[in-house]
Amino acid sequence: TAVYYCASAVNCQVAQDDFGSWGQGTQVTVSS
């Protein structure tokens, strides 16, 4: 359960802070 975001970077090895163009997010909720 979380808000899921996508973002872009030059490659997958960069730090999270080097990703940009973040989307608005989409809520995923998983009930037990």
PDB file of all heavy atoms in Angstrom:
ATOM      1  N   THR A   1       0.832  -1.196   0.000  1.00  0.00           N
ATOM      2  CA  THR A   1       0.000   0.000   0.000  1.00  0.00           C
ATOM      3  C   THR A   1       0.868   1.248   0.000  1.00  0.00           C
ATOM      4  O   THR A   1       1.725   1.425   0.874  1.00  0.00           O
ATOM      5  CB  THR A   1      -0.928   0.005   1.217  1.00  0.00           C
ATOM      6  OG1 THR A   1      -1.854  -1.085   1.116  1.00  0.00           O
ATOM      7  CG2 THR A   1      -1.713   1.307   1.307  1.00  0.00           C
ATOM      8  N   ALA A   2       0.661   2.117  -0.973  1.00  0.00           N
ATOM      9  CA  ALA A   2       1.475   3.317  -1.121  1.00  0.00           C
ATOM     10  C   ALA A   2       0.949   4.130  -2.288  1.00  0.00           C
ATOM     11  O   ALA A   2       0.123   3.651  -3.079  1.00  0.00           O
ATOM     12  CB  ALA A   2       2.944   2.958  -1.367  1.00  0.00           C
ATOM     13  N   VAL A   3       1.444   5.353  -2.387  1.00  0.00           N
ATOM     14  CA  VAL A   3       1.289   6.122  -3.611  1.00  0.00           C
ATOM     15  C   VAL A   3       2.461   5.763  -4.508  1.00  0.00           C
ATOM     16  O   VAL A   3       3.620   5.850  -4.089  1.00  0.00           O
ATOM     17  CB  VAL A   3       1.251   7.634  -3.349  1.00  0.00           C
ATOM     18  CG1 VAL A   3       1.144   8.400  -4.662  1.00  0.00           C
ATOM     19  CG2 VAL A   3       0.086   7.984  -2.439  1.00  0.00           C
ATOM     20  N   TYR A   4       2.175   5.350  -5.723  1.00  0.00           N
ATOM     21  CA  TYR A   4       3.197   4.925  -6.666  1.00  0.00           C
ATOM     22  C   TYR A   4       3.460   6.027  -7.673  1.00  0.00           C
ATOM     23  O   TYR A   4       2.530   6.601  -8.249  1.00  0.00           O
ATOM     24  CB  TYR A   4       2.765   3.643  -7.385  1.00  0.00           C
ATOM     25  CG  TYR A   4       2.918   2.403  -6.530  1.00  0.00           C
ATOM     26  CD1 TYR A   4       2.074   2.184  -5.450  1.00  0.00           C
ATOM     27  CD2 TYR A   4       3.915   1.463  -6.791  1.00  0.00           C
ATOM     28  CE1 TYR A   4       2.223   1.063  -4.651  1.00  0.00           C
ATOM     29  CE2 TYR A   4       4.059   0.344  -5.996  1.00  0.00           C
ATOM     30  CZ  TYR A   4       3.214   0.136  -4.927  1.00  0.00           C
ATOM     31  OH  TYR A   4       3.359  -0.982  -4.134  1.00  0.00           O
ATOM     32  N   TYR A   5       4.733   6.315  -7.893  1.00  0.00           N
ATOM     33  CA  TYR A   5       5.176   7.352  -8.807  1.00  0.00           C
ATOM     34  C   TYR A   5       6.108   6.766  -9.855  1.00  0.00           C
ATOM     35  O   TYR A   5       6.819   5.798  -9.599  1.00  0.00           O
ATOM     36  CB  TYR A   5       5.953   8.445  -8.065  1.00  0.00           C
ATOM     37  CG  TYR A   5       5.205   9.151  -6.967  1.00  0.00           C
ATOM     38  CD1 TYR A   5       5.237   8.673  -5.663  1.00  0.00           C
ATOM     39  CD2 TYR A   5       4.481  10.307  -7.228  1.00  0.00           C
ATOM     40  CE1 TYR A   5       4.564   9.326  -4.645  1.00  0.00           C
ATOM     41  CE2 TYR A   5       3.811  10.964  -6.217  1.00  0.00           C
ATOM     42  CZ  TYR A   5       3.856  10.471  -4.923  1.00  0.00           C
ATOM     43  OH  TYR A   5       3.189  11.122  -3.916  1.00  0.00           O
ATOM     44  N   CYS A   6       6.129   7.369 -11.019  1.00  0.00           N
ATOM     45  CA  CYS A   6       7.162   7.081 -11.998  1.00  0.00           C
ATOM     46  C   CYS A   6       7.972   8.338 -12.263  1.00  0.00           C
ATOM     47  O   CYS A   6       7.493   9.465 -12.075  1.00  0.00           O
ATOM     48  CB  CYS A   6       6.593   6.508 -13.302  1.00  0.00           C
ATOM     49  SG  CYS A   6       5.464   7.576 -14.222  1.00  0.00           S
ATOM     50  N   ALA A   7       9.216   8.153 -12.661  1.00  0.00           N
ATOM     51  CA  ALA A   7      10.119   9.252 -12.937  1.00  0.00           C
ATOM     52  C   ALA A   7      11.172   8.786 -13.936  1.00  0.00           C
ATOM     53  O   ALA A   7      11.363   7.584 -14.140  1.00  0.00           O
ATOM     54  CB  ALA A   7      10.781   9.750 -11.652  1.00  0.00           C
ATOM     55  N   SER A   8      11.867   9.738 -14.541  1.00  0.00           N
ATOM     56  CA  SER A   8      12.843   9.431 -15.576  1.00  0.00           C
ATOM     57  C   SER A   8      14.245   9.793 -15.128  1.00  0.00           C
ATOM     58  O   SER A   8      14.452  10.671 -14.292  1.00  0.00           O
ATOM     59  CB  SER A   8      12.496  10.167 -16.874  1.00  0.00           C
ATOM     60  OG  SER A   8      12.576  11.569 -16.690  1.00  0.00           O
ATOM     61  N   ALA A   9      15.210   9.112 -15.706  1.00  0.00           N
ATOM     62  CA  ALA A   9      16.621   9.372 -15.444  1.00  0.00           C
ATOM     63  C   ALA A   9      17.431   8.937 -16.655  1.00  0.00           C
ATOM     64  O   ALA A   9      16.918   8.276 -17.558  1.00  0.00           O
ATOM     65  CB  ALA A   9      17.095   8.641 -14.188  1.00  0.00           C
ATOM     66  N   VAL A  10      18.708   9.294 -16.668  1.00  0.00           N
ATOM     67  CA  VAL A  10      19.557   8.905 -17.782  1.00  0.00           C
ATOM     68  C   VAL A  10      19.820   7.410 -17.779  1.00  0.00           C
ATOM     69  O   VAL A  10      20.035   6.814 -18.835  1.00  0.00           O
ATOM     70  CB  VAL A  10      20.883   9.698 -17.792  1.00  0.00           C
ATOM     71  CG1 VAL A  10      20.612  11.172 -18.020  1.00  0.00           C
ATOM     72  CG2 VAL A  10      21.643   9.496 -16.488  1.00  0.00           C
ATOM     73  N   ASN A  11      19.813   6.779 -16.604  1.00  0.00           N
ATOM     74  CA  ASN A  11      19.944   5.339 -16.485  1.00  0.00           C
ATOM     75  C   ASN A  11      19.434   4.928 -15.118  1.00  0.00           C
ATOM     76  O   ASN A  11      19.133   5.770 -14.268  1.00  0.00           O
ATOM     77  CB  ASN A  11      21.387   4.861 -16.724  1.00  0.00           C
ATOM     78  CG  ASN A  11      22.392   5.468 -15.769  1.00  0.00           C
ATOM     79  OD1 ASN A  11      22.314   5.251 -14.562  1.00  0.00           O
ATOM     80  ND2 ASN A  11      23.334   6.234 -16.303  1.00  0.00           N
ATOM     81  N   CYS A  12      19.346   3.628 -14.893  1.00  0.00           N
ATOM     82  CA  CYS A  12      18.796   3.116 -13.644  1.00  0.00           C
ATOM     83  C   CYS A  12      19.771   3.148 -12.485  1.00  0.00           C
ATOM     84  O   CYS A  12      19.379   2.854 -11.350  1.00  0.00           O
ATOM     85  CB  CYS A  12      18.301   1.681 -13.833  1.00  0.00           C
ATOM     86  SG  CYS A  12      16.798   1.529 -14.824  1.00  0.00           S
ATOM     87  N   GLN A  13      21.027   3.473 -12.740  1.00  0.00           N
ATOM     88  CA  GLN A  13      22.042   3.443 -11.693  1.00  0.00           C
ATOM     89  C   GLN A  13      22.149   4.741 -10.907  1.00  0.00           C
ATOM     90  O   GLN A  13      22.853   4.792  -9.899  1.00  0.00           O
ATOM     91  CB  GLN A  13      23.407   3.099 -12.295  1.00  0.00           C
ATOM     92  CG  GLN A  13      23.581   1.622 -12.659  1.00  0.00           C
ATOM     93  CD  GLN A  13      22.702   1.188 -13.813  1.00  0.00           C
ATOM     94  OE1 GLN A  13      22.704   1.803 -14.872  1.00  0.00           O
ATOM     95  NE2 GLN A  13      21.944   0.115 -13.605  1.00  0.00           N
ATOM     96  N   VAL A  14      21.456   5.788 -11.325  1.00  0.00           N
ATOM     97  CA  VAL A  14      21.551   7.070 -10.634  1.00  0.00           C
ATOM     98  C   VAL A  14      20.754   7.026  -9.347  1.00  0.00           C
ATOM     99  O   VAL A  14      19.871   6.182  -9.150  1.00  0.00           O
ATOM    100  CB  VAL A  14      21.089   8.233 -11.529  1.00  0.00           C
ATOM    101  CG1 VAL A  14      21.856   8.247 -12.839  1.00  0.00           C
ATOM    102  CG2 VAL A  14      19.586   8.148 -11.783  1.00  0.00           C
ATOM    103  N   ALA A  15      21.072   7.955  -8.456  1.00  0.00           N
ATOM    104  CA  ALA A  15      20.360   8.057  -7.195  1.00  0.00           C
ATOM    105  C   ALA A  15      18.934   8.529  -7.420  1.00  0.00           C
ATOM    106  O   ALA A  15      18.612   9.142  -8.440  1.00  0.00           O
ATOM    107  CB  ALA A  15      21.089   9.009  -6.248  1.00  0.00           C
ATOM    108  N   GLN A  16      18.083   8.267  -6.454  1.00  0.00           N
ATOM    109  CA  GLN A  16      16.684   8.654  -6.554  1.00  0.00           C
ATOM    110  C   GLN A  16      16.524  10.150  -6.805  1.00  0.00           C
ATOM    111  O   GLN A  16      15.656  10.566  -7.584  1.00  0.00           O
ATOM    112  CB  GLN A  16      15.944   8.248  -5.274  1.00  0.00           C
ATOM    113  CG  GLN A  16      14.468   8.590  -5.276  1.00  0.00           C
ATOM    114  CD  GLN A  16      13.759   8.111  -4.028  1.00  0.00           C
ATOM    115  OE1 GLN A  16      12.765   8.722  -3.607  1.00  0.00           O
ATOM    116  NE2 GLN A  16      14.230   7.019  -3.435  1.00  0.00           N
ATOM    117  N   ASP A  17      17.373  10.952  -6.174  1.00  0.00           N
ATOM    118  CA  ASP A  17      17.284  12.400  -6.336  1.00  0.00           C
ATOM    119  C   ASP A  17      17.648  12.856  -7.738  1.00  0.00           C
ATOM    120  O   ASP A  17      17.367  14.010  -8.098  1.00  0.00           O
ATOM    121  CB  ASP A  17      18.176  13.108  -5.319  1.00  0.00           C
ATOM    122  CG  ASP A  17      17.625  13.055  -3.914  1.00  0.00           C
ATOM    123  OD1 ASP A  17      16.446  12.666  -3.752  1.00  0.00           O
ATOM    124  OD2 ASP A  17      18.355  13.400  -2.975  1.00  0.00           O
ATOM    125  N   ASP A  18      18.261  12.000  -8.531  1.00  0.00           N
ATOM    126  CA  ASP A  18      18.622  12.343  -9.900  1.00  0.00           C
ATOM    127  C   ASP A  18      17.553  11.928 -10.901  1.00  0.00           C
ATOM    128  O   ASP A  18      17.731  12.141 -12.104  1.00  0.00           O
ATOM    129  CB  ASP A  18      19.965  11.713 -10.266  1.00  0.00           C
ATOM    130  CG  ASP A  18      21.129  12.369  -9.549  1.00  0.00           C
ATOM    131  OD1 ASP A  18      21.065  13.589  -9.319  1.00  0.00           O
ATOM    132  OD2 ASP A  18      22.105  11.672  -9.223  1.00  0.00           O
ATOM    133  N   PHE A  19      16.480  11.323 -10.435  1.00  0.00           N
ATOM    134  CA  PHE A  19      15.305  11.128 -11.268  1.00  0.00           C
ATOM    135  C   PHE A  19      14.502  12.426 -11.310  1.00  0.00           C
ATOM    136  O   PHE A  19      14.479  13.190 -10.345  1.00  0.00           O
ATOM    137  CB  PHE A  19      14.428   9.989 -10.736  1.00  0.00           C
ATOM    138  CG  PHE A  19      14.921   8.614 -11.090  1.00  0.00           C
ATOM    139  CD1 PHE A  19      15.964   8.033 -10.403  1.00  0.00           C
ATOM    140  CD2 PHE A  19      14.321   7.900 -12.115  1.00  0.00           C
ATOM    141  CE1 PHE A  19      16.424   6.770 -10.726  1.00  0.00           C
ATOM    142  CE2 PHE A  19      14.770   6.628 -12.443  1.00  0.00           C
ATOM    143  CZ  PHE A  19      15.820   6.062 -11.751  1.00  0.00           C
ATOM    144  N   GLY A  20      13.838  12.652 -12.415  1.00  0.00           N
ATOM    145  CA  GLY A  20      13.055  13.859 -12.574  1.00  0.00           C
ATOM    146  C   GLY A  20      11.768  13.597 -13.319  1.00  0.00           C
ATOM    147  O   GLY A  20      11.402  12.459 -13.603  1.00  0.00           O
ATOM    148  N   SER A  21      11.078  14.675 -13.632  1.00  0.00           N
ATOM    149  CA  SER A  21       9.796  14.620 -14.335  1.00  0.00           C
ATOM    150  C   SER A  21       8.816  13.696 -13.633  1.00  0.00           C
ATOM    151  O   SER A  21       8.110  12.899 -14.263  1.00  0.00           O
ATOM    152  CB  SER A  21       9.996  14.186 -15.797  1.00  0.00           C
ATOM    153  OG  SER A  21      10.807  15.104 -16.497  1.00  0.00           O
ATOM    154  N   TRP A  22       8.758  13.805 -12.323  1.00  0.00           N
ATOM    155  CA  TRP A  22       7.893  12.958 -11.515  1.00  0.00           C
ATOM    156  C   TRP A  22       6.428  13.144 -11.882  1.00  0.00           C
ATOM    157  O   TRP A  22       5.960  14.271 -12.091  1.00  0.00           O
ATOM    158  CB  TRP A  22       8.080  13.278 -10.031  1.00  0.00           C
ATOM    159  CG  TRP A  22       9.426  12.906  -9.516  1.00  0.00           C
ATOM    160  CD1 TRP A  22      10.559  13.660  -9.563  1.00  0.00           C
ATOM    161  CD2 TRP A  22       9.782  11.684  -8.871  1.00  0.00           C
ATOM    162  NE1 TRP A  22      11.609  12.980  -8.988  1.00  0.00           N
ATOM    163  CE2 TRP A  22      11.162  11.773  -8.552  1.00  0.00           C
ATOM    164  CE3 TRP A  22       9.080  10.540  -8.528  1.00  0.00           C
ATOM    165  CZ2 TRP A  22      11.839  10.744  -7.907  1.00  0.00           C
ATOM    166  CZ3 TRP A  22       9.757   9.511  -7.890  1.00  0.00           C
ATOM    167  CH2 TRP A  22      11.120   9.620  -7.584  1.00  0.00           C
ATOM    168  N   GLY A  23       5.720  12.039 -11.954  1.00  0.00           N
ATOM    169  CA  GLY A  23       4.290  12.096 -12.173  1.00  0.00           C
ATOM    170  C   GLY A  23       3.555  12.484 -10.909  1.00  0.00           C
ATOM    171  O   GLY A  23       4.152  12.738  -9.851  1.00  0.00           O
ATOM    172  N   GLN A  24       2.238  12.519 -11.010  1.00  0.00           N
ATOM    173  CA  GLN A  24       1.415  12.944  -9.875  1.00  0.00           C
ATOM    174  C   GLN A  24       1.167  11.823  -8.876  1.00  0.00           C
ATOM    175  O   GLN A  24       0.726  12.081  -7.755  1.00  0.00           O
ATOM    176  CB  GLN A  24       0.080  13.498 -10.381  1.00  0.00           C
ATOM    177  CG  GLN A  24      -0.999  12.458 -10.670  1.00  0.00           C
ATOM    178  CD  GLN A  24      -0.729  11.618 -11.909  1.00  0.00           C
ATOM    179  OE1 GLN A  24       0.155  11.920 -12.713  1.00  0.00           O
ATOM    180  NE2 GLN A  24      -1.507  10.559 -12.073  1.00  0.00           N
ATOM    181  N   GLY A  25       1.430  10.599  -9.267  1.00  0.00           N
ATOM    182  CA  GLY A  25       1.242   9.454  -8.406  1.00  0.00           C
ATOM    183  C   GLY A  25      -0.130   8.826  -8.561  1.00  0.00           C
ATOM    184  O   GLY A  25      -1.100   9.482  -8.938  1.00  0.00           O
ATOM    185  N   THR A  26      -0.203   7.534  -8.257  1.00  0.00           N
ATOM    186  CA  THR A  26      -1.467   6.817  -8.256  1.00  0.00           C
ATOM    187  C   THR A  26      -1.528   5.957  -7.001  1.00  0.00           C
ATOM    188  O   THR A  26      -0.555   5.299  -6.637  1.00  0.00           O
ATOM    189  CB  THR A  26      -1.640   5.972  -9.534  1.00  0.00           C
ATOM    190  OG1 THR A  26      -2.942   5.379  -9.560  1.00  0.00           O
ATOM    191  CG2 THR A  26      -0.582   4.881  -9.641  1.00  0.00           C
ATOM    192  N   GLN A  27      -2.661   5.987  -6.317  1.00  0.00           N
ATOM    193  CA  GLN A  27      -2.808   5.312  -5.035  1.00  0.00           C
ATOM    194  C   GLN A  27      -3.082   3.834  -5.230  1.00  0.00           C
ATOM    195  O   GLN A  27      -3.981   3.440  -5.984  1.00  0.00           O
ATOM    196  CB  GLN A  27      -3.952   5.941  -4.234  1.00  0.00           C
ATOM    197  CG  GLN A  27      -4.243   5.248  -2.903  1.00  0.00           C
ATOM    198  CD  GLN A  27      -3.158   5.472  -1.879  1.00  0.00           C
ATOM    199  OE1 GLN A  27      -2.753   6.618  -1.640  1.00  0.00           O
ATOM    200  NE2 GLN A  27      -2.684   4.384  -1.255  1.00  0.00           N
ATOM    201  N   VAL A  28      -2.312   3.013  -4.530  1.00  0.00           N
ATOM    202  CA  VAL A  28      -2.537   1.575  -4.471  1.00  0.00           C
ATOM    203  C   VAL A  28      -2.824   1.212  -3.020  1.00  0.00           C
ATOM    204  O   VAL A  28      -2.012   1.494  -2.135  1.00  0.00           O
ATOM    205  CB  VAL A  28      -1.325   0.775  -4.985  1.00  0.00           C
ATOM    206  CG1 VAL A  28      -1.513  -0.717  -4.729  1.00  0.00           C
ATOM    207  CG2 VAL A  28      -1.112   1.038  -6.467  1.00  0.00           C
ATOM    208  N   THR A  29      -3.967   0.606  -2.777  1.00  0.00           N
ATOM    209  CA  THR A  29      -4.347   0.187  -1.439  1.00  0.00           C
ATOM    210  C   THR A  29      -4.655  -1.301  -1.464  1.00  0.00           C
ATOM    211  O   THR A  29      -5.494  -1.755  -2.242  1.00  0.00           O
ATOM    212  CB  THR A  29      -5.568   0.972  -0.930  1.00  0.00           C
ATOM    213  OG1 THR A  29      -5.285   2.374  -0.951  1.00  0.00           O
ATOM    214  CG2 THR A  29      -5.915   0.554   0.491  1.00  0.00           C
ATOM    215  N   VAL A  30      -3.982  -2.055  -0.607  1.00  0.00           N
ATOM    216  CA  VAL A  30      -4.153  -3.502  -0.530  1.00  0.00           C
ATOM    217  C   VAL A  30      -4.712  -3.837   0.841  1.00  0.00           C
ATOM    218  O   VAL A  30      -4.078  -3.569   1.863  1.00  0.00           O
ATOM    219  CB  VAL A  30      -2.834  -4.248  -0.765  1.00  0.00           C
ATOM    220  CG1 VAL A  30      -3.079  -5.758  -0.780  1.00  0.00           C
ATOM    221  CG2 VAL A  30      -2.189  -3.799  -2.072  1.00  0.00           C
ATOM    222  N   SER A  31      -5.890  -4.405   0.876  1.00  0.00           N
ATOM    223  CA  SER A  31      -6.536  -4.759   2.127  1.00  0.00           C
ATOM    224  C   SER A  31      -6.172  -6.184   2.517  1.00  0.00           C
ATOM    225  O   SER A  31      -5.954  -7.054   1.671  1.00  0.00           O
ATOM    226  CB  SER A  31      -8.050  -4.614   2.016  1.00  0.00           C
ATOM    227  OG  SER A  31      -8.580  -5.482   1.019  1.00  0.00           O
ATOM    228  N   SER A  32      -6.129  -6.438   3.823  1.00  0.00           N
ATOM    229  CA  SER A  32      -5.743  -7.745   4.339  1.00  0.00           C
ATOM    230  C   SER A  32      -6.930  -8.659   4.512  1.00  0.00           C
ATOM    231  O   SER A  32      -8.083  -8.261   4.438  1.00  0.00           O
ATOM    232  CB  SER A  32      -4.998  -7.601   5.661  1.00  0.00           C
ATOM    233  OG  SER A  32      -5.810  -6.947   6.617  1.00  0.00           O
TER     234      SER A  32
END
